[in-house]
């Protein structure tokens, strides 16, 4: 029982490392976008872009946090 408690405590302490926000961001946002920009709004917290894809002409909206 003591071994299980000790191993569980060590596992929890080891798994609580500091996370880098830039590493997490890469999982959710691509490196670049290929758009023809029709409208943009940039403020202190968000970047909002409305545009269309050049090849297909499909409308596309982007909203990402301004880092």
N, C-alpha and C. Protein backbone atom coordinates (compact mmCIF):
# COMPACT_ATOMS: atom_id res chain seq x y z
N UNK A 1 0.82 -1.19 0.00
CA UNK A 1 0.00 0.00 0.00
C UNK A 1 0.87 1.26 0.00
N UNK A 2 1.94 1.24 0.80
CA UNK A 2 2.82 2.40 0.86
C UNK A 2 3.54 2.61 -0.47
N UNK A 3 3.87 1.53 -1.14
CA UNK A 3 4.55 1.63 -2.43
C UNK A 3 3.63 2.28 -3.46
N UNK A 4 2.37 1.87 -3.47
CA UNK A 4 1.40 2.44 -4.41
C UNK A 4 1.21 3.93 -4.14
N UNK A 5 1.10 4.30 -2.90
CA UNK A 5 0.93 5.71 -2.53
C UNK A 5 2.17 6.52 -2.92
N UNK A 6 3.32 5.96 -2.69
CA UNK A 6 4.56 6.65 -3.04
C UNK A 6 4.69 6.81 -4.55
N UNK A 7 4.41 5.76 -5.31
CA UNK A 7 4.49 5.85 -6.76
C UNK A 7 3.46 6.82 -7.33
N UNK A 8 2.28 6.82 -6.78
CA UNK A 8 1.25 7.75 -7.23
C UNK A 8 1.67 9.20 -6.97
N UNK A 9 2.23 9.45 -5.80
CA UNK A 9 2.70 10.79 -5.47
C UNK A 9 3.81 11.23 -6.40
N UNK A 10 4.75 10.35 -6.67
CA UNK A 10 5.84 10.68 -7.59
C UNK A 10 5.32 10.94 -9.01
N UNK A 11 4.37 10.15 -9.44
CA UNK A 11 3.79 10.33 -10.77
C UNK A 11 3.10 11.69 -10.88
N UNK A 12 2.34 12.06 -9.87
CA UNK A 12 1.63 13.34 -9.89
C UNK A 12 2.62 14.50 -9.89
N UNK A 13 3.65 14.41 -9.08
CA UNK A 13 4.64 15.48 -9.02
C UNK A 13 5.41 15.59 -10.34
N UNK A 14 5.70 14.48 -10.97
CA UNK A 14 6.44 14.50 -12.23
C UNK A 14 5.59 15.03 -13.38
N UNK A 15 4.29 14.77 -13.35
CA UNK A 15 3.43 15.19 -14.45
C UNK A 15 3.02 16.66 -14.36
N UNK A 16 3.31 17.33 -13.28
CA UNK A 16 2.94 18.74 -13.11
C UNK A 16 4.08 19.66 -13.52
N UNK A 17 4.54 19.52 -14.73
CA UNK A 17 5.60 20.41 -15.22
C UNK A 17 4.97 21.66 -15.81
N UNK A 18 5.74 22.70 -15.95
CA UNK A 18 5.25 23.96 -16.50
C UNK A 18 5.08 23.81 -18.01
N UNK A 19 3.93 24.25 -18.51
CA UNK A 19 3.61 24.13 -19.92
C UNK A 19 3.94 25.44 -20.63
N UNK A 20 4.55 25.33 -21.82
CA UNK A 20 4.85 26.49 -22.62
C UNK A 20 3.67 26.77 -23.54
N UNK A 21 3.13 27.98 -23.47
CA UNK A 21 1.94 28.32 -24.26
C UNK A 21 2.20 28.25 -25.77
N UNK A 22 3.41 28.57 -26.20
CA UNK A 22 3.71 28.52 -27.63
C UNK A 22 3.69 27.10 -28.16
N UNK A 23 4.07 26.12 -27.37
CA UNK A 23 4.00 24.73 -27.80
C UNK A 23 2.55 24.28 -27.95
N UNK A 24 1.70 24.69 -27.03
CA UNK A 24 0.29 24.33 -27.10
C UNK A 24 -0.37 25.02 -28.29
N UNK A 25 -0.01 26.26 -28.55
CA UNK A 25 -0.61 27.02 -29.65
C UNK A 25 -0.35 26.35 -31.00
N UNK A 26 0.82 25.77 -31.17
CA UNK A 26 1.15 25.12 -32.45
C UNK A 26 0.23 23.96 -32.77
N UNK A 27 -0.34 23.35 -31.75
CA UNK A 27 -1.25 22.23 -31.98
C UNK A 27 -2.58 22.69 -32.54
N UNK A 28 -2.96 23.95 -32.29
CA UNK A 28 -4.28 24.44 -32.69
C UNK A 28 -4.27 25.35 -33.91
N UNK A 29 -3.16 26.05 -34.16
CA UNK A 29 -3.11 27.00 -35.26
C UNK A 29 -2.03 26.61 -36.25
N UNK A 30 -2.33 26.65 -37.53
CA UNK A 30 -1.30 26.36 -38.53
C UNK A 30 -0.25 27.48 -38.57
N UNK A 31 0.87 27.20 -39.21
CA UNK A 31 1.96 28.17 -39.29
C UNK A 31 1.60 29.37 -40.16
N UNK A 32 0.85 29.14 -41.22
CA UNK A 32 0.51 30.24 -42.11
C UNK A 32 -0.85 30.00 -42.75
N UNK A 33 -1.40 31.07 -43.29
CA UNK A 33 -2.69 31.02 -43.97
C UNK A 33 -2.51 31.59 -45.37
N UNK A 34 -3.20 31.04 -46.34
CA UNK A 34 -3.14 31.53 -47.71
C UNK A 34 -4.51 32.12 -48.04
N UNK A 35 -4.64 33.45 -47.90
CA UNK A 35 -5.92 34.12 -48.07
C UNK A 35 -5.77 35.42 -48.86
N UNK A 36 -6.84 35.82 -49.49
CA UNK A 36 -6.98 37.18 -50.00
C UNK A 36 -7.82 37.91 -48.96
N UNK A 37 -7.23 38.87 -48.28
CA UNK A 37 -7.89 39.54 -47.17
C UNK A 37 -8.89 40.57 -47.69
N UNK A 38 -10.11 40.45 -47.20
CA UNK A 38 -11.16 41.41 -47.55
C UNK A 38 -11.43 42.38 -46.41
N UNK A 39 -11.30 41.89 -45.18
CA UNK A 39 -11.55 42.73 -44.01
C UNK A 39 -10.71 42.20 -42.85
N UNK A 40 -10.12 43.11 -42.07
CA UNK A 40 -9.35 42.68 -40.91
C UNK A 40 -9.59 43.61 -39.74
N UNK A 41 -9.47 43.06 -38.55
CA UNK A 41 -9.63 43.81 -37.32
C UNK A 41 -8.60 43.27 -36.33
N UNK A 42 -7.68 44.13 -35.94
CA UNK A 42 -6.63 43.73 -35.01
C UNK A 42 -6.73 44.62 -33.78
N UNK A 43 -6.91 44.00 -32.61
CA UNK A 43 -6.92 44.76 -31.36
C UNK A 43 -5.93 44.13 -30.39
N UNK A 44 -5.99 44.49 -29.14
CA UNK A 44 -5.00 44.01 -28.17
C UNK A 44 -5.08 42.52 -27.88
N UNK A 45 -6.24 41.91 -28.08
CA UNK A 45 -6.39 40.50 -27.73
C UNK A 45 -6.65 39.58 -28.91
N UNK A 46 -7.29 40.05 -29.96
CA UNK A 46 -7.67 39.17 -31.07
C UNK A 46 -7.27 39.74 -32.42
N UNK A 47 -7.01 38.84 -33.35
CA UNK A 47 -6.84 39.19 -34.76
C UNK A 47 -7.98 38.50 -35.49
N UNK A 48 -8.83 39.29 -36.14
CA UNK A 48 -9.96 38.75 -36.89
C UNK A 48 -9.77 39.10 -38.36
N UNK A 49 -9.79 38.09 -39.21
CA UNK A 49 -9.59 38.30 -40.65
C UNK A 49 -10.69 37.58 -41.41
N UNK A 50 -11.31 38.28 -42.33
CA UNK A 50 -12.29 37.70 -43.25
C UNK A 50 -11.70 37.80 -44.65
N UNK A 51 -11.77 36.71 -45.37
CA UNK A 51 -11.22 36.72 -46.71
C UNK A 51 -11.68 35.52 -47.51
N UNK A 52 -10.97 35.24 -48.59
CA UNK A 52 -11.31 34.10 -49.43
C UNK A 52 -10.02 33.39 -49.85
N UNK A 53 -10.16 32.10 -50.08
CA UNK A 53 -9.03 31.31 -50.53
C UNK A 53 -8.79 31.61 -52.00
N UNK A 54 -7.53 31.82 -52.41
CA UNK A 54 -7.27 32.25 -53.78
C UNK A 54 -7.64 31.23 -54.85
N UNK A 55 -7.47 29.97 -54.60
CA UNK A 55 -7.71 28.96 -55.64
C UNK A 55 -9.20 28.64 -55.78
N UNK A 56 -9.87 28.43 -54.65
CA UNK A 56 -11.27 28.02 -54.70
C UNK A 56 -12.24 29.17 -54.60
N UNK A 57 -11.80 30.32 -54.06
CA UNK A 57 -12.70 31.44 -53.87
C UNK A 57 -13.63 31.27 -52.68
N UNK A 58 -13.44 30.23 -51.91
CA UNK A 58 -14.27 29.93 -50.74
C UNK A 58 -14.02 30.97 -49.64
N UNK A 59 -15.09 31.46 -49.01
CA UNK A 59 -14.98 32.42 -47.92
C UNK A 59 -14.37 31.74 -46.70
N UNK A 60 -13.53 32.47 -45.98
CA UNK A 60 -12.81 31.89 -44.86
C UNK A 60 -12.66 32.95 -43.78
N UNK A 61 -12.89 32.59 -42.53
CA UNK A 61 -12.76 33.49 -41.39
C UNK A 61 -11.70 32.95 -40.44
N UNK A 62 -10.85 33.83 -39.93
CA UNK A 62 -9.81 33.46 -38.97
C UNK A 62 -9.98 34.36 -37.76
N UNK A 63 -9.90 33.76 -36.57
CA UNK A 63 -9.90 34.52 -35.33
C UNK A 63 -8.89 33.86 -34.41
N UNK A 64 -7.75 34.52 -34.18
CA UNK A 64 -6.71 33.97 -33.33
C UNK A 64 -6.33 35.02 -32.27
N UNK A 65 -5.75 34.56 -31.19
CA UNK A 65 -5.31 35.47 -30.15
C UNK A 65 -4.04 36.19 -30.58
N UNK A 66 -3.99 37.46 -30.32
CA UNK A 66 -2.85 38.29 -30.69
C UNK A 66 -1.76 38.09 -29.64
N UNK A 67 -0.70 37.39 -30.03
CA UNK A 67 0.40 37.14 -29.10
C UNK A 67 1.53 38.07 -29.40
